[in-house]
Amino acid sequence: AEQMVRAGGKVMICGRDGRKLAKTAEEIGADFHVADVSS
């Protein structure tokens, strides 16, 4: 996701840990959405 953003792309990351996602998204410049892929 970080390399995609650096290349000029737009990215949404997902995962189950909202706090971790929010921190990562802020650090790398991505959007985020809390989601469990098994749901």
PDB file of all heavy atoms in Angstrom:
ATOM      1  N   ALA A   1       0.840  -1.209   0.000  1.00  0.00           N
ATOM      2  CA  ALA A   1       0.000   0.000   0.000  1.00  0.00           C
ATOM      3  C   ALA A   1       0.868   1.250   0.000  1.00  0.00           C
ATOM      4  O   ALA A   1       0.594   2.218  -0.726  1.00  0.00           O
ATOM      5  CB  ALA A   1      -0.928  -0.012   1.213  1.00  0.00           C
ATOM      6  N   GLU A   2       1.925   1.230   0.793  1.00  0.00           N
ATOM      7  CA  GLU A   2       2.826   2.386   0.861  1.00  0.00           C
ATOM      8  C   GLU A   2       3.495   2.640  -0.485  1.00  0.00           C
ATOM      9  O   GLU A   2       3.593   3.794  -0.937  1.00  0.00           O
ATOM     10  CB  GLU A   2       3.879   2.148   1.939  1.00  0.00           C
ATOM     11  CG  GLU A   2       4.795   3.333   2.171  1.00  0.00           C
ATOM     12  CD  GLU A   2       5.699   3.150   3.374  1.00  0.00           C
ATOM     13  OE1 GLU A   2       5.843   2.007   3.857  1.00  0.00           O
ATOM     14  OE2 GLU A   2       6.259   4.158   3.841  1.00  0.00           O
ATOM     15  N   GLN A   3       3.947   1.584  -1.148  1.00  0.00           N
ATOM     16  CA  GLN A   3       4.592   1.767  -2.445  1.00  0.00           C
ATOM     17  C   GLN A   3       3.597   2.247  -3.502  1.00  0.00           C
ATOM     18  O   GLN A   3       3.952   3.035  -4.393  1.00  0.00           O
ATOM     19  CB  GLN A   3       5.288   0.481  -2.881  1.00  0.00           C
ATOM     20  CG  GLN A   3       6.517   0.157  -2.034  1.00  0.00           C
ATOM     21  CD  GLN A   3       7.404  -0.920  -2.625  1.00  0.00           C
ATOM     22  OE1 GLN A   3       7.380  -1.180  -3.828  1.00  0.00           O
ATOM     23  NE2 GLN A   3       8.206  -1.553  -1.787  1.00  0.00           N
ATOM     24  N   MET A   4       2.370   1.800  -3.422  1.00  0.00           N
ATOM     25  CA  MET A   4       1.344   2.276  -4.358  1.00  0.00           C
ATOM     26  C   MET A   4       1.096   3.767  -4.179  1.00  0.00           C
ATOM     27  O   MET A   4       0.993   4.512  -5.161  1.00  0.00           O
ATOM     28  CB  MET A   4       0.039   1.502  -4.137  1.00  0.00           C
ATOM     29  CG  MET A   4       0.053   0.083  -4.660  1.00  0.00           C
ATOM     30  SD  MET A   4      -1.485  -0.772  -4.218  1.00  0.00           S
ATOM     31  CE  MET A   4      -1.319  -2.253  -5.209  1.00  0.00           C
ATOM     32  N   VAL A   5       0.981   4.204  -2.946  1.00  0.00           N
ATOM     33  CA  VAL A   5       0.747   5.627  -2.679  1.00  0.00           C
ATOM     34  C   VAL A   5       1.930   6.454  -3.175  1.00  0.00           C
ATOM     35  O   VAL A   5       1.753   7.523  -3.781  1.00  0.00           O
ATOM     36  CB  VAL A   5       0.498   5.860  -1.177  1.00  0.00           C
ATOM     37  CG1 VAL A   5       0.468   7.353  -0.856  1.00  0.00           C
ATOM     38  CG2 VAL A   5      -0.812   5.203  -0.739  1.00  0.00           C
ATOM     39  N   ARG A   6       3.136   5.989  -2.935  1.00  0.00           N
ATOM     40  CA  ARG A   6       4.330   6.706  -3.406  1.00  0.00           C
ATOM     41  C   ARG A   6       4.361   6.826  -4.922  1.00  0.00           C
ATOM     42  O   ARG A   6       4.889   7.806  -5.461  1.00  0.00           O
ATOM     43  CB  ARG A   6       5.594   5.981  -2.935  1.00  0.00           C
ATOM     44  CG  ARG A   6       5.895   6.143  -1.455  1.00  0.00           C
ATOM     45  CD  ARG A   6       7.164   5.404  -1.092  1.00  0.00           C
ATOM     46  NE  ARG A   6       7.480   5.513   0.325  1.00  0.00           N
ATOM     47  CZ  ARG A   6       8.473   4.870   0.921  1.00  0.00           C
ATOM     48  NH1 ARG A   6       9.248   4.059   0.208  1.00  0.00           N
ATOM     49  NH2 ARG A   6       8.695   5.016   2.215  1.00  0.00           N
ATOM     50  N   ALA A   7       3.775   5.841  -5.616  1.00  0.00           N
ATOM     51  CA  ALA A   7       3.747   5.866  -7.081  1.00  0.00           C
ATOM     52  C   ALA A   7       2.629   6.746  -7.623  1.00  0.00           C
ATOM     53  O   ALA A   7       2.495   6.911  -8.839  1.00  0.00           O
ATOM     54  CB  ALA A   7       3.598   4.444  -7.629  1.00  0.00           C
ATOM     55  N   GLY A   8       1.807   7.306  -6.724  1.00  0.00           N
ATOM     56  CA  GLY A   8       0.721   8.185  -7.144  1.00  0.00           C
ATOM     57  C   GLY A   8      -0.649   7.551  -7.126  1.00  0.00           C
ATOM     58  O   GLY A   8      -1.642   8.188  -7.489  1.00  0.00           O
ATOM     59  N   GLY A   9      -0.729   6.292  -6.706  1.00  0.00           N
ATOM     60  CA  GLY A   9      -2.006   5.607  -6.659  1.00  0.00           C
ATOM     61  C   GLY A   9      -2.812   5.963  -5.421  1.00  0.00           C
ATOM     62  O   GLY A   9      -2.331   6.632  -4.503  1.00  0.00           O
ATOM     63  N   LYS A  10      -4.058   5.493  -5.395  1.00  0.00           N
ATOM     64  CA  LYS A  10      -4.943   5.676  -4.249  1.00  0.00           C
ATOM     65  C   LYS A  10      -5.302   4.299  -3.706  1.00  0.00           C
ATOM     66  O   LYS A  10      -5.619   3.388  -4.475  1.00  0.00           O
ATOM     67  CB  LYS A  10      -6.208   6.441  -4.646  1.00  0.00           C
ATOM     68  CG  LYS A  10      -5.945   7.878  -5.086  1.00  0.00           C
ATOM     69  CD  LYS A  10      -7.240   8.595  -5.416  1.00  0.00           C
ATOM     70  CE  LYS A  10      -6.985  10.037  -5.842  1.00  0.00           C
ATOM     71  NZ  LYS A  10      -8.256  10.737  -6.177  1.00  0.00           N
ATOM     72  N   VAL A  11      -5.265   4.174  -2.376  1.00  0.00           N
ATOM     73  CA  VAL A  11      -5.383   2.857  -1.765  1.00  0.00           C
ATOM     74  C   VAL A  11      -6.295   2.898  -0.553  1.00  0.00           C
ATOM     75  O   VAL A  11      -6.244   3.838   0.248  1.00  0.00           O
ATOM     76  CB  VAL A  11      -3.992   2.340  -1.319  1.00  0.00           C
ATOM     77  CG1 VAL A  11      -4.099   0.916  -0.768  1.00  0.00           C
ATOM     78  CG2 VAL A  11      -2.986   2.399  -2.462  1.00  0.00           C
ATOM     79  N   MET A  12      -7.090   1.848  -0.424  1.00  0.00           N
ATOM     80  CA  MET A  12      -7.829   1.616   0.809  1.00  0.00           C
ATOM     81  C   MET A  12      -7.327   0.321   1.421  1.00  0.00           C
ATOM     82  O   MET A  12      -7.364  -0.735   0.772  1.00  0.00           O
ATOM     83  CB  MET A  12      -9.335   1.529   0.576  1.00  0.00           C
ATOM     84  CG  MET A  12     -10.107   1.140   1.848  1.00  0.00           C
ATOM     85  SD  MET A  12     -11.883   1.369   1.676  1.00  0.00           S
ATOM     86  CE  MET A  12     -11.996   3.151   1.821  1.00  0.00           C
ATOM     87  N   ILE A  13      -6.840   0.397   2.658  1.00  0.00           N
ATOM     88  CA  ILE A  13      -6.414  -0.792   3.373  1.00  0.00           C
ATOM     89  C   ILE A  13      -7.532  -1.246   4.293  1.00  0.00           C
ATOM     90  O   ILE A  13      -8.352  -0.444   4.745  1.00  0.00           O
ATOM     91  CB  ILE A  13      -5.122  -0.553   4.184  1.00  0.00           C
ATOM     92  CG1 ILE A  13      -5.304   0.575   5.203  1.00  0.00           C
ATOM     93  CG2 ILE A  13      -3.957  -0.243   3.244  1.00  0.00           C
ATOM     94  CD1 ILE A  13      -4.110   0.772   6.138  1.00  0.00           C
ATOM     95  N   CYS A  14      -7.572  -2.545   4.563  1.00  0.00           N
ATOM     96  CA  CYS A  14      -8.575  -3.044   5.489  1.00  0.00           C
ATOM     97  C   CYS A  14      -7.943  -4.048   6.440  1.00  0.00           C
ATOM     98  O   CYS A  14      -6.857  -4.586   6.191  1.00  0.00           O
ATOM     99  CB  CYS A  14      -9.764  -3.664   4.756  1.00  0.00           C
ATOM    100  SG  CYS A  14      -9.562  -5.412   4.323  1.00  0.00           S
ATOM    101  N   GLY A  15      -8.629  -4.301   7.532  1.00  0.00           N
ATOM    102  CA  GLY A  15      -8.200  -5.262   8.530  1.00  0.00           C
ATOM    103  C   GLY A  15      -9.188  -5.216   9.674  1.00  0.00           C
ATOM    104  O   GLY A  15     -10.172  -4.470   9.647  1.00  0.00           O
ATOM    105  N   ARG A  16      -8.911  -6.009  10.711  1.00  0.00           N
ATOM    106  CA  ARG A  16      -9.854  -6.093  11.830  1.00  0.00           C
ATOM    107  C   ARG A  16      -9.515  -5.145  12.980  1.00  0.00           C
ATOM    108  O   ARG A  16     -10.361  -4.876  13.828  1.00  0.00           O
ATOM    109  CB  ARG A  16      -9.900  -7.538  12.342  1.00  0.00           C
ATOM    110  CG  ARG A  16     -10.485  -8.504  11.322  1.00  0.00           C
ATOM    111  CD  ARG A  16     -10.517  -9.929  11.828  1.00  0.00           C
ATOM    112  NE  ARG A  16      -9.176 -10.499  11.951  1.00  0.00           N
ATOM    113  CZ  ARG A  16      -8.937 -11.773  12.236  1.00  0.00           C
ATOM    114  NH1 ARG A  16      -9.955 -12.601  12.441  1.00  0.00           N
ATOM    115  NH2 ARG A  16      -7.703 -12.228  12.308  1.00  0.00           N
ATOM    116  N   ASP A  17      -8.287  -4.659  13.012  1.00  0.00           N
ATOM    117  CA  ASP A  17      -7.831  -3.799  14.113  1.00  0.00           C
ATOM    118  C   ASP A  17      -7.912  -2.339  13.681  1.00  0.00           C
ATOM    119  O   ASP A  17      -7.033  -1.821  12.992  1.00  0.00           O
ATOM    120  CB  ASP A  17      -6.397  -4.171  14.483  1.00  0.00           C
ATOM    121  CG  ASP A  17      -5.884  -3.454  15.725  1.00  0.00           C
ATOM    122  OD1 ASP A  17      -6.374  -2.347  16.018  1.00  0.00           O
ATOM    123  OD2 ASP A  17      -4.985  -4.000  16.383  1.00  0.00           O
ATOM    124  N   GLY A  18      -8.985  -1.670  14.104  1.00  0.00           N
ATOM    125  CA  GLY A  18      -9.214  -0.305  13.661  1.00  0.00           C
ATOM    126  C   GLY A  18      -8.131   0.659  14.091  1.00  0.00           C
ATOM    127  O   GLY A  18      -7.755   1.561  13.339  1.00  0.00           O
ATOM    128  N   ARG A  19      -7.615   0.496  15.290  1.00  0.00           N
ATOM    129  CA  ARG A  19      -6.572   1.407  15.784  1.00  0.00           C
ATOM    130  C   ARG A  19      -5.303   1.278  14.948  1.00  0.00           C
ATOM    131  O   ARG A  19      -4.697   2.276  14.551  1.00  0.00           O
ATOM    132  CB  ARG A  19      -6.267   1.097  17.246  1.00  0.00           C
ATOM    133  CG  ARG A  19      -5.276   2.046  17.885  1.00  0.00           C
ATOM    134  CD  ARG A  19      -5.136   1.769  19.376  1.00  0.00           C
ATOM    135  NE  ARG A  19      -6.390   1.962  20.076  1.00  0.00           N
ATOM    136  CZ  ARG A  19      -6.572   1.754  21.385  1.00  0.00           C
ATOM    137  NH1 ARG A  19      -5.565   1.323  22.124  1.00  0.00           N
ATOM    138  NH2 ARG A  19      -7.742   1.970  21.938  1.00  0.00           N
ATOM    139  N   LYS A  20      -4.905   0.034  14.653  1.00  0.00           N
ATOM    140  CA  LYS A  20      -3.706  -0.187  13.836  1.00  0.00           C
ATOM    141  C   LYS A  20      -3.901   0.354  12.423  1.00  0.00           C
ATOM    142  O   LYS A  20      -3.018   0.988  11.852  1.00  0.00           O
ATOM    143  CB  LYS A  20      -3.378  -1.674  13.767  1.00  0.00           C
ATOM    144  CG  LYS A  20      -2.142  -1.997  12.939  1.00  0.00           C
ATOM    145  CD  LYS A  20      -2.040  -3.471  12.585  1.00  0.00           C
ATOM    146  CE  LYS A  20      -1.799  -4.334  13.793  1.00  0.00           C
ATOM    147  NZ  LYS A  20      -1.608  -5.761  13.425  1.00  0.00           N
ATOM    148  N   LEU A  21      -5.088   0.114  11.860  1.00  0.00           N
ATOM    149  CA  LEU A  21      -5.378   0.598  10.506  1.00  0.00           C
ATOM    150  C   LEU A  21      -5.308   2.120  10.424  1.00  0.00           C
ATOM    151  O   LEU A  21      -4.721   2.668   9.481  1.00  0.00           O
ATOM    152  CB  LEU A  21      -6.762   0.138  10.062  1.00  0.00           C
ATOM    153  CG  LEU A  21      -6.934  -1.293   9.590  1.00  0.00           C
ATOM    154  CD1 LEU A  21      -8.400  -1.572   9.334  1.00  0.00           C
ATOM    155  CD2 LEU A  21      -6.120  -1.559   8.332  1.00  0.00           C
ATOM    156  N   ALA A  22      -5.918   2.774  11.389  1.00  0.00           N
ATOM    157  CA  ALA A  22      -5.928   4.237  11.380  1.00  0.00           C
ATOM    158  C   ALA A  22      -4.514   4.795  11.453  1.00  0.00           C
ATOM    159  O   ALA A  22      -4.171   5.754  10.744  1.00  0.00           O
ATOM    160  CB  ALA A  22      -6.761   4.757  12.544  1.00  0.00           C
ATOM    161  N   LYS A  23      -3.677   4.194  12.294  1.00  0.00           N
ATOM    162  CA  LYS A  23      -2.298   4.643  12.433  1.00  0.00           C
ATOM    163  C   LYS A  23      -1.522   4.429  11.134  1.00  0.00           C
ATOM    164  O   LYS A  23      -0.822   5.325  10.647  1.00  0.00           O
ATOM    165  CB  LYS A  23      -1.624   3.892  13.580  1.00  0.00           C
ATOM    166  CG  LYS A  23      -0.199   4.336  13.892  1.00  0.00           C
ATOM    167  CD  LYS A  23       0.306   3.627  15.138  1.00  0.00           C
ATOM    168  CE  LYS A  23       1.699   4.133  15.555  1.00  0.00           C
ATOM    169  NZ  LYS A  23       2.734   3.827  14.567  1.00  0.00           N
ATOM    170  N   THR A  24      -1.673   3.241  10.552  1.00  0.00           N
ATOM    171  CA  THR A  24      -0.975   2.940   9.295  1.00  0.00           C
ATOM    172  C   THR A  24      -1.438   3.868   8.185  1.00  0.00           C
ATOM    173  O   THR A  24      -0.628   4.405   7.424  1.00  0.00           O
ATOM    174  CB  THR A  24      -1.216   1.478   8.889  1.00  0.00           C
ATOM    175  OG1 THR A  24      -0.642   0.617   9.875  1.00  0.00           O
ATOM    176  CG2 THR A  24      -0.597   1.176   7.529  1.00  0.00           C
ATOM    177  N   ALA A  25      -2.756   4.045   8.069  1.00  0.00           N
ATOM    178  CA  ALA A  25      -3.306   4.898   7.008  1.00  0.00           C
ATOM    179  C   ALA A  25      -2.768   6.315   7.101  1.00  0.00           C
ATOM    180  O   ALA A  25      -2.409   6.933   6.086  1.00  0.00           O
ATOM    181  CB  ALA A  25      -4.829   4.892   7.076  1.00  0.00           C
ATOM    182  N   GLU A  26      -2.695   6.834   8.305  1.00  0.00           N
ATOM    183  CA  GLU A  26      -2.170   8.188   8.488  1.00  0.00           C
ATOM    184  C   GLU A  26      -0.700   8.265   8.099  1.00  0.00           C
ATOM    185  O   GLU A  26      -0.263   9.226   7.464  1.00  0.00           O
ATOM    186  CB  GLU A  26      -2.338   8.615   9.947  1.00  0.00           C
ATOM    187  CG  GLU A  26      -1.854  10.034  10.219  1.00  0.00           C
ATOM    188  CD  GLU A  26      -2.064  10.466  11.657  1.00  0.00           C
ATOM    189  OE1 GLU A  26      -2.548   9.642  12.467  1.00  0.00           O
ATOM    190  OE2 GLU A  26      -1.759  11.631  11.975  1.00  0.00           O
ATOM    191  N   GLU A  27       0.057   7.247   8.455  1.00  0.00           N
ATOM    192  CA  GLU A  27       1.493   7.258   8.191  1.00  0.00           C
ATOM    193  C   GLU A  27       1.830   7.124   6.712  1.00  0.00           C
ATOM    194  O   GLU A  27       2.810   7.710   6.237  1.00  0.00           O
ATOM    195  CB  GLU A  27       2.171   6.136   8.978  1.00  0.00           C
ATOM    196  CG  GLU A  27       2.193   6.377  10.481  1.00  0.00           C
ATOM    197  CD  GLU A  27       2.713   5.200  11.278  1.00  0.00           C
ATOM    198  OE1 GLU A  27       2.884   4.103  10.694  1.00  0.00           O
ATOM    199  OE2 GLU A  27       2.949   5.359  12.494  1.00  0.00           O
ATOM    200  N   ILE A  28       1.031   6.361   5.958  1.00  0.00           N
ATOM    201  CA  ILE A  28       1.382   6.117   4.554  1.00  0.00           C
ATOM    202  C   ILE A  28       0.509   6.894   3.568  1.00  0.00           C
ATOM    203  O   ILE A  28       0.767   6.873   2.362  1.00  0.00           O
ATOM    204  CB  ILE A  28       1.344   4.613   4.214  1.00  0.00           C
ATOM    205  CG1 ILE A  28      -0.098   4.077   4.231  1.00  0.00           C
ATOM    206  CG2 ILE A  28       2.240   3.827   5.168  1.00  0.00           C
ATOM    207  CD1 ILE A  28      -0.205   2.619   3.777  1.00  0.00           C
ATOM    208  N   GLY A  29      -0.532   7.557   4.043  1.00  0.00           N
ATOM    209  CA  GLY A  29      -1.375   8.351   3.156  1.00  0.00           C
ATOM    210  C   GLY A  29      -2.453   7.563   2.443  1.00  0.00           C
ATOM    211  O   GLY A  29      -2.844   7.903   1.323  1.00  0.00           O
ATOM    212  N   ALA A  30      -2.950   6.509   3.090  1.00  0.00           N
ATOM    213  CA  ALA A  30      -4.011   5.683   2.502  1.00  0.00           C
ATOM    214  C   ALA A  30      -5.334   5.925   3.217  1.00  0.00           C
ATOM    215  O   ALA A  30      -5.381   6.517   4.296  1.00  0.00           O
ATOM    216  CB  ALA A  30      -3.635   4.209   2.602  1.00  0.00           C
ATOM    217  N   ASP A  31      -6.424   5.462   2.616  1.00  0.00           N
ATOM    218  CA  ASP A  31      -7.713   5.382   3.292  1.00  0.00           C
ATOM    219  C   ASP A  31      -7.779   4.033   4.006  1.00  0.00           C
ATOM    220  O   ASP A  31      -7.010   3.119   3.694  1.00  0.00           O
ATOM    221  CB  ASP A  31      -8.861   5.483   2.287  1.00  0.00           C
ATOM    222  CG  ASP A  31      -9.086   6.904   1.820  1.00  0.00           C
ATOM    223  OD1 ASP A  31      -9.448   7.744   2.651  1.00  0.00           O
ATOM    224  OD2 ASP A  31      -8.890   7.169   0.615  1.00  0.00           O
ATOM    225  N   PHE A  32      -8.720   3.901   4.935  1.00  0.00           N
ATOM    226  CA  PHE A  32      -8.856   2.611   5.605  1.00  0.00           C
ATOM    227  C   PHE A  32     -10.307   2.308   5.907  1.00  0.00           C
ATOM    228  O   PHE A  32     -11.150   3.208   5.986  1.00  0.00           O
ATOM    229  CB  PHE A  32      -8.025   2.573   6.894  1.00  0.00           C
ATOM    230  CG  PHE A  32      -8.617   3.337   8.050  1.00  0.00           C
ATOM    231  CD1 PHE A  32      -9.394   2.694   9.010  1.00  0.00           C
ATOM    232  CD2 PHE A  32      -8.401   4.709   8.184  1.00  0.00           C
ATOM    233  CE1 PHE A  32      -9.942   3.400  10.077  1.00  0.00           C
ATOM    234  CE2 PHE A  32      -8.931   5.417   9.258  1.00  0.00           C
ATOM    235  CZ  PHE A  32      -9.710   4.764  10.198  1.00  0.00           C
ATOM    236  N   HIS A  33     -10.594   1.020   6.080  1.00  0.00           N
ATOM    237  CA  HIS A  33     -11.935   0.569   6.426  1.00  0.00           C
ATOM    238  C   HIS A  33     -11.783  -0.703   7.244  1.00  0.00           C
ATOM    239  O   HIS A  33     -11.091  -1.631   6.835  1.00  0.00           O
ATOM    240  CB  HIS A  33     -12.754   0.289   5.165  1.00  0.00           C
ATOM    241  CG  HIS A  33     -14.193  -0.006   5.424  1.00  0.00           C
ATOM    242  ND1 HIS A  33     -15.129   0.981   5.627  1.00  0.00           N
ATOM    243  CD2 HIS A  33     -14.864  -1.183   5.527  1.00  0.00           C
ATOM    244  CE1 HIS A  33     -16.318   0.432   5.824  1.00  0.00           C
ATOM    245  NE2 HIS A  33     -16.177  -0.891   5.779  1.00  0.00           N
ATOM    246  N   VAL A  34     -12.429  -0.731   8.400  1.00  0.00           N
ATOM    247  CA  VAL A  34     -12.347  -1.914   9.254  1.00  0.00           C
ATOM    248  C   VAL A  34     -13.252  -3.008   8.681  1.00  0.00           C
ATOM    249  O   VAL A  34     -14.448  -2.781   8.446  1.00  0.00           O
ATOM    250  CB  VAL A  34     -12.775  -1.580  10.697  1.00  0.00           C
ATOM    251  CG1 VAL A  34     -12.737  -2.833  11.572  1.00  0.00           C
ATOM    252  CG2 VAL A  34     -11.868  -0.495  11.282  1.00  0.00           C
ATOM    253  N   ALA A  35     -12.659  -4.170   8.414  1.00  0.00           N
ATOM    254  CA  ALA A  35     -13.426  -5.278   7.836  1.00  0.00           C
ATOM    255  C   ALA A  35     -12.730  -6.598   8.116  1.00  0.00           C
ATOM    256  O   ALA A  35     -11.505  -6.694   8.058  1.00  0.00           O
ATOM    257  CB  ALA A  35     -13.602  -5.094   6.326  1.00  0.00           C
ATOM    258  N   ASP A  36     -13.523  -7.602   8.417  1.00  0.00           N
ATOM    259  CA  ASP A  36     -13.063  -8.981   8.535  1.00  0.00           C
ATOM    260  C   ASP A  36     -13.418  -9.667   7.221  1.00  0.00           C
ATOM    261  O   ASP A  36     -14.603  -9.801   6.883  1.00  0.00           O
ATOM    262  CB  ASP A  36     -13.775  -9.648   9.710  1.00  0.00           C
ATOM    263  CG  ASP A  36     -13.391 -11.111   9.905  1.00  0.00           C
ATOM    264  OD1 ASP A  36     -12.761 -11.696   9.001  1.00  0.00           O
ATOM    265  OD2 ASP A  36     -13.742 -11.670  10.953  1.00  0.00           O
ATOM    266  N   VAL A  37     -12.417 -10.108   6.459  1.00  0.00           N
ATOM    267  CA  VAL A  37     -12.696 -10.634   5.120  1.00  0.00           C
ATOM    268  C   VAL A  37     -13.529 -11.912   5.143  1.00  0.00           C
ATOM    269  O   VAL A  37     -14.117 -12.290   4.125  1.00  0.00           O
ATOM    270  CB  VAL A  37     -11.405 -10.863   4.306  1.00  0.00           C
ATOM    271  CG1 VAL A  37     -10.691  -9.554   4.034  1.00  0.00           C
ATOM    272  CG2 VAL A  37     -10.486 -11.871   4.990  1.00  0.00           C
ATOM    273  N   SER A  38     -13.582 -12.595   6.285  1.00  0.00           N
ATOM    274  CA  SER A  38     -14.401 -13.812   6.354  1.00  0.00           C
ATOM    275  C   SER A  38     -15.883 -13.487   6.513  1.00  0.00           C
ATOM    276  O   SER A  38     -16.726 -14.386   6.461  1.00  0.00           O
ATOM    277  CB  SER A  38     -13.941 -14.710   7.497  1.00  0.00           C
ATOM    278  OG  SER A  38     -14.198 -14.126   8.759  1.00  0.00           O
ATOM    279  N   SER A  39     -16.213 -12.201   6.691  1.00  0.00           N
ATOM    280  CA  SER A  39     -17.604 -11.759   6.812  1.00  0.00           C
ATOM    281  C   SER A  39     -18.074 -11.182   5.483  1.00  0.00           C
ATOM    282  O   SER A  39     -17.554 -10.162   5.023  1.00  0.00           O
ATOM    283  CB  SER A  39     -17.725 -10.697   7.913  1.00  0.00           C
ATOM    284  OG  SER A  39     -18.949 -10.001   7.812  1.00  0.00           O
TER     285      SER A  39
END
